[in-house]
Protein backbone atom coordinates (compact mmCIF):
# COMPACT_ATOMS: atom_id res chain seq x y z
CA MET A 1 55.53 58.91 154.35
CA VAL A 2 52.10 57.59 155.30
CA GLU A 3 50.65 56.77 151.87
CA PHE A 4 51.84 56.21 148.31
CA LYS A 5 49.68 55.85 145.22
CA PRO A 6 51.57 54.86 142.05
CA MET A 7 50.73 57.00 139.04
CA GLN A 8 51.69 54.41 136.46
CA THR A 9 50.55 50.85 135.87
CA ALA A 10 53.16 48.41 137.14
CA ILE A 11 51.43 45.09 136.37
CA VAL A 12 48.90 44.36 133.64
CA ASP A 13 46.62 41.32 133.72
CA ILE A 14 46.53 40.70 129.97
CA ASP A 15 44.14 37.76 130.34
CA TYR A 16 41.63 40.05 132.05
CA PHE A 17 41.98 42.61 129.25
CA ILE A 18 41.42 39.95 126.59
CA ALA A 19 38.40 38.56 128.44
CA GLN A 20 36.72 41.96 128.40
CA ARG A 21 36.66 42.03 124.60
CA LYS A 22 33.50 39.90 124.52
CA ARG A 23 31.62 42.60 126.47
CA PHE A 24 31.97 44.99 123.51
CA SER A 25 30.63 45.01 120.01
CA LEU A 26 33.26 45.57 117.34
CA GLU A 27 32.09 49.16 116.89
CA GLU A 28 32.33 49.80 120.65
CA TRP A 29 35.77 48.20 120.84
CA ARG A 30 37.10 50.25 117.95
CA GLY A 31 35.71 53.35 119.62
CA LEU A 32 37.44 52.49 122.90
CA ILE A 33 40.81 52.03 121.21
CA ILE A 34 40.52 55.25 119.21
CA ARG A 35 39.41 57.28 122.23
CA SER A 36 42.33 55.82 124.19
CA MET A 37 44.60 57.14 121.42
CA GLY A 38 43.24 60.63 122.05
CA TYR A 39 40.80 60.88 119.15
CA GLU A 40 37.00 61.11 119.16
CA PRO A 41 35.71 58.10 117.14
CA SER A 42 32.38 59.71 116.27
CA ARG A 43 34.27 62.29 114.16
CA TYR A 44 35.80 59.63 111.92
CA GLY A 45 34.20 57.33 109.37
CA PRO A 46 34.78 53.54 109.40
CA THR A 47 37.68 53.68 106.93
CA GLU A 48 39.31 56.58 108.77
CA GLN A 49 38.96 54.69 112.05
CA GLY A 50 40.76 51.78 110.44
CA TRP A 51 43.75 53.93 109.49
CA LEU A 52 43.92 55.42 113.00
CA ILE A 53 44.00 51.96 114.58
CA ALA A 54 46.59 50.79 112.04
CA ARG A 55 48.99 53.34 113.54
CA LEU A 56 49.20 51.10 116.61
CA GLY A 57 50.31 48.14 114.51
CA MET A 58 54.03 48.70 115.00
CA LEU A 59 53.55 48.68 118.77
CA VAL A 60 51.62 45.43 118.92
CA GLN A 61 53.25 43.32 116.18
CA PRO A 62 56.96 42.40 116.25
CA ARG A 63 59.01 43.56 113.27
CA LEU A 64 56.21 45.35 111.49
CA ASN A 65 57.60 48.06 109.19
CA PHE A 66 55.27 50.89 108.17
CA ILE A 67 55.41 54.12 106.24
CA GLU A 68 52.78 56.82 106.76
CA LEU A 69 52.47 59.72 104.37
CA ALA A 70 50.11 62.50 105.40
CA PRO A 71 49.69 66.27 105.36
CA LYS A 72 50.68 68.23 108.44
CA GLY A 73 48.35 68.27 111.40
CA THR A 74 46.85 64.77 111.13
CA GLY A 75 48.49 63.54 114.36
CA LYS A 76 50.61 60.79 112.86
CA SER A 77 53.45 61.10 115.39
CA TYR A 78 51.35 61.77 118.50
CA ILE A 79 50.94 58.21 119.72
CA PHE A 80 54.68 57.55 119.45
CA SER A 81 55.72 60.72 121.25
CA GLN A 82 53.04 60.86 123.95
CA LEU A 83 51.31 57.50 124.40
CA ALA A 84 53.88 54.80 123.70
CA LYS A 85 56.31 53.92 126.47
CA TYR A 86 58.03 51.32 124.31
CA ALA A 87 58.53 53.47 121.21
CA TRP A 88 61.42 55.77 120.32
CA LEU A 89 60.60 58.71 118.08
CA ILE A 90 63.38 60.50 116.20
CA SER A 91 62.19 63.87 114.91
CA GLY A 92 64.54 65.49 112.44
CA GLY A 93 68.26 65.98 112.87
CA VAL A 94 71.06 63.54 112.14
CA VAL A 95 70.74 59.78 112.51
CA THR A 96 73.99 57.91 113.05
CA ARG A 97 74.91 54.27 112.71
CA ALA A 98 76.09 54.28 116.33
CA GLY A 99 72.83 55.70 117.68
CA LEU A 100 70.59 53.47 115.61
CA PHE A 101 72.43 50.12 115.60
CA TYR A 102 75.71 49.87 117.51
CA ASP A 103 78.33 52.25 118.90
CA MET A 104 81.72 50.70 118.20
CA SER A 105 83.65 53.09 120.42
CA ARG A 106 81.44 52.59 123.49
CA LYS A 107 80.53 48.96 122.72
CA THR A 108 76.86 49.71 123.33
CA PRO A 109 73.80 48.72 121.25
CA GLY A 110 71.63 51.38 119.63
CA VAL A 111 67.96 52.23 120.06
CA ILE A 112 66.88 49.55 117.57
CA THR A 113 67.64 46.94 120.26
CA LYS A 114 65.94 48.75 123.16
CA TYR A 115 62.39 49.51 122.02
CA ASP A 116 59.38 47.81 120.50
CA ALA A 117 59.30 50.40 117.72
CA VAL A 118 61.70 52.98 116.33
CA VAL A 119 60.08 55.69 114.23
CA LEU A 120 61.71 58.40 112.11
CA ASP A 121 59.46 61.45 111.99
CA GLU A 122 59.73 64.34 109.53
CA VAL A 123 62.00 62.23 107.33
CA GLN A 124 62.51 65.15 104.95
CA THR A 125 64.53 66.84 107.70
CA ILE A 126 66.53 63.77 108.69
CA GLN A 127 70.10 63.32 107.51
CA LEU A 128 71.87 59.96 107.62
CA ARG A 129 75.49 60.17 108.67
CA GLN A 130 77.46 57.35 107.01
CA GLU A 131 74.41 56.89 104.75
CA GLY A 132 75.69 53.84 102.89
CA GLU A 133 76.47 51.89 106.05
CA ILE A 134 73.13 52.79 107.67
CA LEU A 135 71.10 51.84 104.61
CA GLY A 136 72.97 48.57 104.24
CA ALA A 137 72.37 47.64 107.87
CA LEU A 138 68.77 48.88 107.72
CA THR A 139 67.91 46.89 104.59
CA GLY A 140 69.15 43.70 106.22
CA PHE A 141 67.39 44.47 109.49
CA LEU A 142 64.03 45.16 107.88
CA GLU A 143 64.22 41.79 106.14
CA SER A 144 65.34 39.49 108.94
CA GLY A 145 65.63 41.41 112.20
CA GLU A 146 69.42 41.02 112.07
CA PHE A 147 72.07 43.65 111.39
CA ARG A 148 75.83 43.78 111.01
CA VAL A 149 78.01 46.77 111.78
CA VAL A 150 81.78 46.55 111.18
CA GLY A 151 82.05 42.98 112.42
CA PHE A 152 79.35 43.26 115.08
CA SER A 153 76.22 41.17 114.56
CA GLY A 154 73.00 41.96 116.40
CA ASN A 155 69.29 41.26 116.23
CA SER A 156 66.06 42.84 117.38
CA GLU A 157 62.29 42.36 117.16
CA ALA A 158 61.69 46.11 116.90
CA SER A 159 59.28 47.50 114.35
CA PHE A 160 60.50 50.34 112.17
CA GLY A 161 58.49 53.25 110.82
CA LEU A 162 58.84 56.33 108.65
CA LEU A 163 56.52 59.33 108.96
CA ALA A 164 56.54 62.05 106.33
CA ASN A 165 54.57 65.12 105.36
CA ILE A 166 53.47 65.23 101.73
CA PRO A 167 51.70 67.97 99.76
CA ILE A 168 47.98 67.49 99.17
CA GLY A 169 45.92 68.87 96.32
CA ARG A 170 42.55 70.59 96.58
CA ASP A 171 40.84 67.27 95.98
CA GLY A 172 42.47 65.86 99.12
CA ARG A 173 44.72 63.50 97.16
CA PRO A 174 48.54 63.51 97.18
CA LEU A 175 50.10 65.66 94.50
CA GLY A 176 51.77 63.53 91.84
CA SER A 177 55.06 64.30 90.17
CA GLU A 178 55.25 66.87 87.42
CA SER A 179 55.50 64.04 84.92
CA GLY A 180 52.20 62.64 86.13
CA SER A 181 53.71 59.38 87.41
CA GLY A 182 52.03 59.71 90.80
CA ASN A 183 55.24 58.97 92.70
CA LEU A 184 54.36 59.57 96.35
CA PHE A 185 58.04 59.62 97.33
CA GLU A 186 59.29 62.40 95.07
CA THR A 187 59.40 64.96 97.90
CA LEU A 188 61.23 62.59 100.28
CA PRO A 189 65.01 62.26 100.83
CA SER A 190 67.06 60.68 98.06
CA TRP A 191 67.48 57.44 100.01
CA LEU A 192 63.73 56.86 99.65
CA ARG A 193 63.56 57.68 95.94
CA GLY A 194 64.72 56.12 92.74
CA LYS A 195 65.48 52.61 91.56
CA ASP A 196 68.33 52.13 94.02
CA SER A 197 65.85 52.60 96.89
CA SER A 198 63.43 49.91 95.75
CA ALA A 199 65.13 47.14 97.75
CA LEU A 200 64.73 49.16 100.94
CA LEU A 201 61.13 50.12 100.19
CA ASP A 202 60.17 46.52 99.42
CA ARG A 203 60.97 45.59 103.01
CA PHE A 204 58.26 47.85 104.39
CA HIS A 205 55.12 45.81 104.95
CA GLY A 206 52.58 48.53 104.40
CA LEU A 207 51.86 52.18 103.73
CA ILE A 208 49.20 54.00 105.77
CA PRO A 209 47.40 56.54 103.54
CA GLY A 210 47.33 59.34 106.08
CA TRP A 211 46.08 61.74 103.40
CA GLU A 212 42.66 60.13 103.92
CA LEU A 213 42.54 61.47 107.48
CA PRO A 214 41.36 65.02 108.27
CA ARG A 215 43.48 67.65 109.95
CA ILE A 216 42.83 67.54 113.67
CA ARG A 217 40.46 70.16 115.02
CA ARG A 218 39.12 70.58 118.51
CA GLU A 219 36.15 68.33 117.72
CA HIS A 220 38.50 65.48 116.78
CA LEU A 221 39.94 65.28 120.30
CA ALA A 222 38.64 62.52 122.57
CA ASP A 223 35.50 63.34 124.50
CA GLY A 224 34.69 60.51 126.89
CA LEU A 225 36.25 57.58 128.69
CA GLY A 226 39.21 55.65 127.37
CA LEU A 227 42.10 53.57 128.64
CA ARG A 228 44.96 55.34 130.39
CA ALA A 229 47.99 55.84 128.18
CA ASP A 230 50.38 53.89 130.42
CA TYR A 231 47.91 50.99 130.69
CA LEU A 232 47.33 50.88 126.93
CA SER A 233 51.08 50.92 126.34
CA GLU A 234 51.58 47.92 128.64
CA VAL A 235 48.70 46.04 127.01
CA LEU A 236 50.12 46.51 123.52
CA HIS A 237 53.53 45.36 124.76
CA ALA A 238 52.02 42.22 126.34
CA LEU A 239 49.95 41.33 123.26
CA ARG A 240 53.12 41.65 121.19
CA LEU A 241 54.67 38.68 122.99
CA ASP A 242 51.93 36.19 122.01
CA ASP A 243 52.74 34.19 118.87
CA SER A 244 49.26 32.63 118.61
CA TYR A 245 47.95 35.58 116.58
CA MET A 246 50.41 35.03 113.77
CA ASP A 247 49.70 31.29 113.94
CA PHE A 248 46.00 32.06 113.46
CA VAL A 249 46.70 34.27 110.44
CA GLN A 250 48.97 31.74 108.78
CA HIS A 251 46.44 28.95 109.26
CA HIS A 252 43.57 31.06 107.93
CA THR A 253 45.11 32.47 104.77
CA LYS A 254 45.46 30.85 101.39
CA ALA A 255 48.15 32.46 99.27
CA ASP A 256 50.16 31.84 96.13
CA GLY A 257 52.84 34.13 94.75
CA ASP A 258 55.69 36.35 95.93
CA LEU A 259 56.68 35.24 99.42
CA ARG A 260 57.69 38.71 100.60
CA ASP A 261 54.25 40.09 99.71
CA ILE A 262 52.50 37.20 101.44
CA ARG A 263 54.52 37.61 104.62
CA ALA A 264 53.93 41.37 104.61
CA VAL A 265 50.15 40.95 104.34
CA GLN A 266 50.13 38.29 107.03
CA ARG A 267 52.19 40.44 109.40
CA VAL A 268 49.86 43.43 108.99
CA ALA A 269 46.79 41.21 109.34
CA ALA A 270 48.20 39.75 112.58
CA ALA A 271 48.65 43.27 114.00
CA LEU A 272 45.01 44.14 113.23
CA LEU A 273 43.86 40.84 114.72
CA ARG A 274 45.69 41.60 117.98
CA LEU A 275 44.12 45.05 118.13
CA LEU A 276 40.53 44.32 117.08
CA PHE A 277 40.02 40.71 118.16
CA PRO A 278 42.50 39.99 120.98
CA ASP A 279 40.34 37.07 122.13
CA MET A 280 40.45 35.64 118.58
CA GLU A 281 36.68 35.22 118.64
CA ILE A 282 36.36 36.06 114.98
CA SER A 283 34.54 34.66 111.98
CA LEU A 284 36.23 34.03 108.65
CA THR A 285 34.18 36.86 107.13
CA GLU A 286 35.30 39.28 109.85
CA PHE A 287 38.91 38.18 109.41
CA GLU A 288 38.69 38.86 105.67
CA HIS A 289 37.01 42.25 106.05
CA PHE A 290 38.75 43.78 109.07
CA CYS A 291 42.21 42.19 108.98
CA LEU A 292 43.13 40.76 105.60
CA ARG A 293 41.54 43.35 103.30
CA PRO A 294 43.16 46.44 104.89
CA ALA A 295 46.46 44.55 105.09
CA LYS A 296 46.32 43.93 101.35
CA THR A 297 45.46 47.58 100.72
CA MET A 298 48.48 48.80 102.69
CA ARG A 299 50.83 46.37 100.96
CA SER A 300 49.32 47.27 97.56
CA LEU A 301 50.28 50.90 98.13
CA ILE A 302 53.89 49.81 98.63
CA ARG A 303 53.69 47.62 95.52
CA ASP A 304 52.29 50.49 93.47
CA GLN A 305 55.20 52.75 94.39
CA LEU A 306 57.72 49.99 93.68
CA SER A 307 56.32 49.55 90.17
CA LYS A 308 56.75 53.30 89.52
CA MET A 309 60.33 53.30 90.76
CA ASP A 310 61.62 50.04 89.32
CA ALA A 311 60.40 48.17 86.23
CA GLU A 312 61.26 44.85 87.89
CA TYR A 313 58.23 45.17 90.15
CA SER A 314 54.61 44.59 89.23
CA PRO A 315 51.87 46.61 90.96
CA ALA A 316 49.77 43.46 91.38
CA LEU A 317 49.69 41.54 94.65
CA PRO A 318 49.63 37.75 94.67
CA THR A 319 46.37 35.99 95.46
CA ILE A 320 45.82 36.08 99.21
CA GLU A 321 42.47 34.95 100.60
CA ALA A 322 40.91 33.98 103.91
CA ALA A 323 40.61 30.22 104.33
CA GLY A 324 39.01 28.02 106.96
């Protein structure tokens, strides 16, 4: 051998990456991220761009739990299957307690302890073996990052996501239930529906409204320069390890009300801050508009579904505002 050129990025200078943010306007930076995800930013409006970037939240923010509901063909699983080295995508089939959390017979931890994000795709086709045990462990994990399986106690900082296809009407909006309740989860598995599922659903920090994104056509594919997939993956992993972003969010929000809602909004806002303003050169107005407002929207969608499933929940979020 006379020469070797590595094909993947081995070392990432995260300080260099962060320093380059100031060379871009916000519009240019958003475009770079979206093109690096494989999409052409000029084919998406500002709100649509925001939802695309939000898909990266689970990869850049520890223990961020998302649900995305969208029609087929919007590319919701692409980044986890093709672009994310530190994500594990489970598409259909049977999910077991041993594979997800801990294998008692082999004494080995499951995928939830090995990756930055674990995502269940096509949840309508996923079956949970030992459903009660999995849901019990999952509910505890989504709340605190800890889980217990038959005497074994473990913990993880992994994010957890659910991706599902839902039917869309001619107006581009999700089809409601026959009773007109507008329950977005009526076509999903039983463990995501009904009053008994509200405790699990409440532990998801936000819902990405993928029905607002168009089906991907040739013109939606990236056309221009972007970051290499392996480099982007390493950058997101490195940003994930920095606690200063969450400190910034907590010090710049004023909130009063349900603590779980407040923490959910802050966690989503921290993810958007890492993605859009990694150098934290951001005004209070920008923080409100680009981080806090979309975070509240995503949590509100969860709240709205909770109120339809369980009378104990109100659809209203507590007061959460940007503060200096």
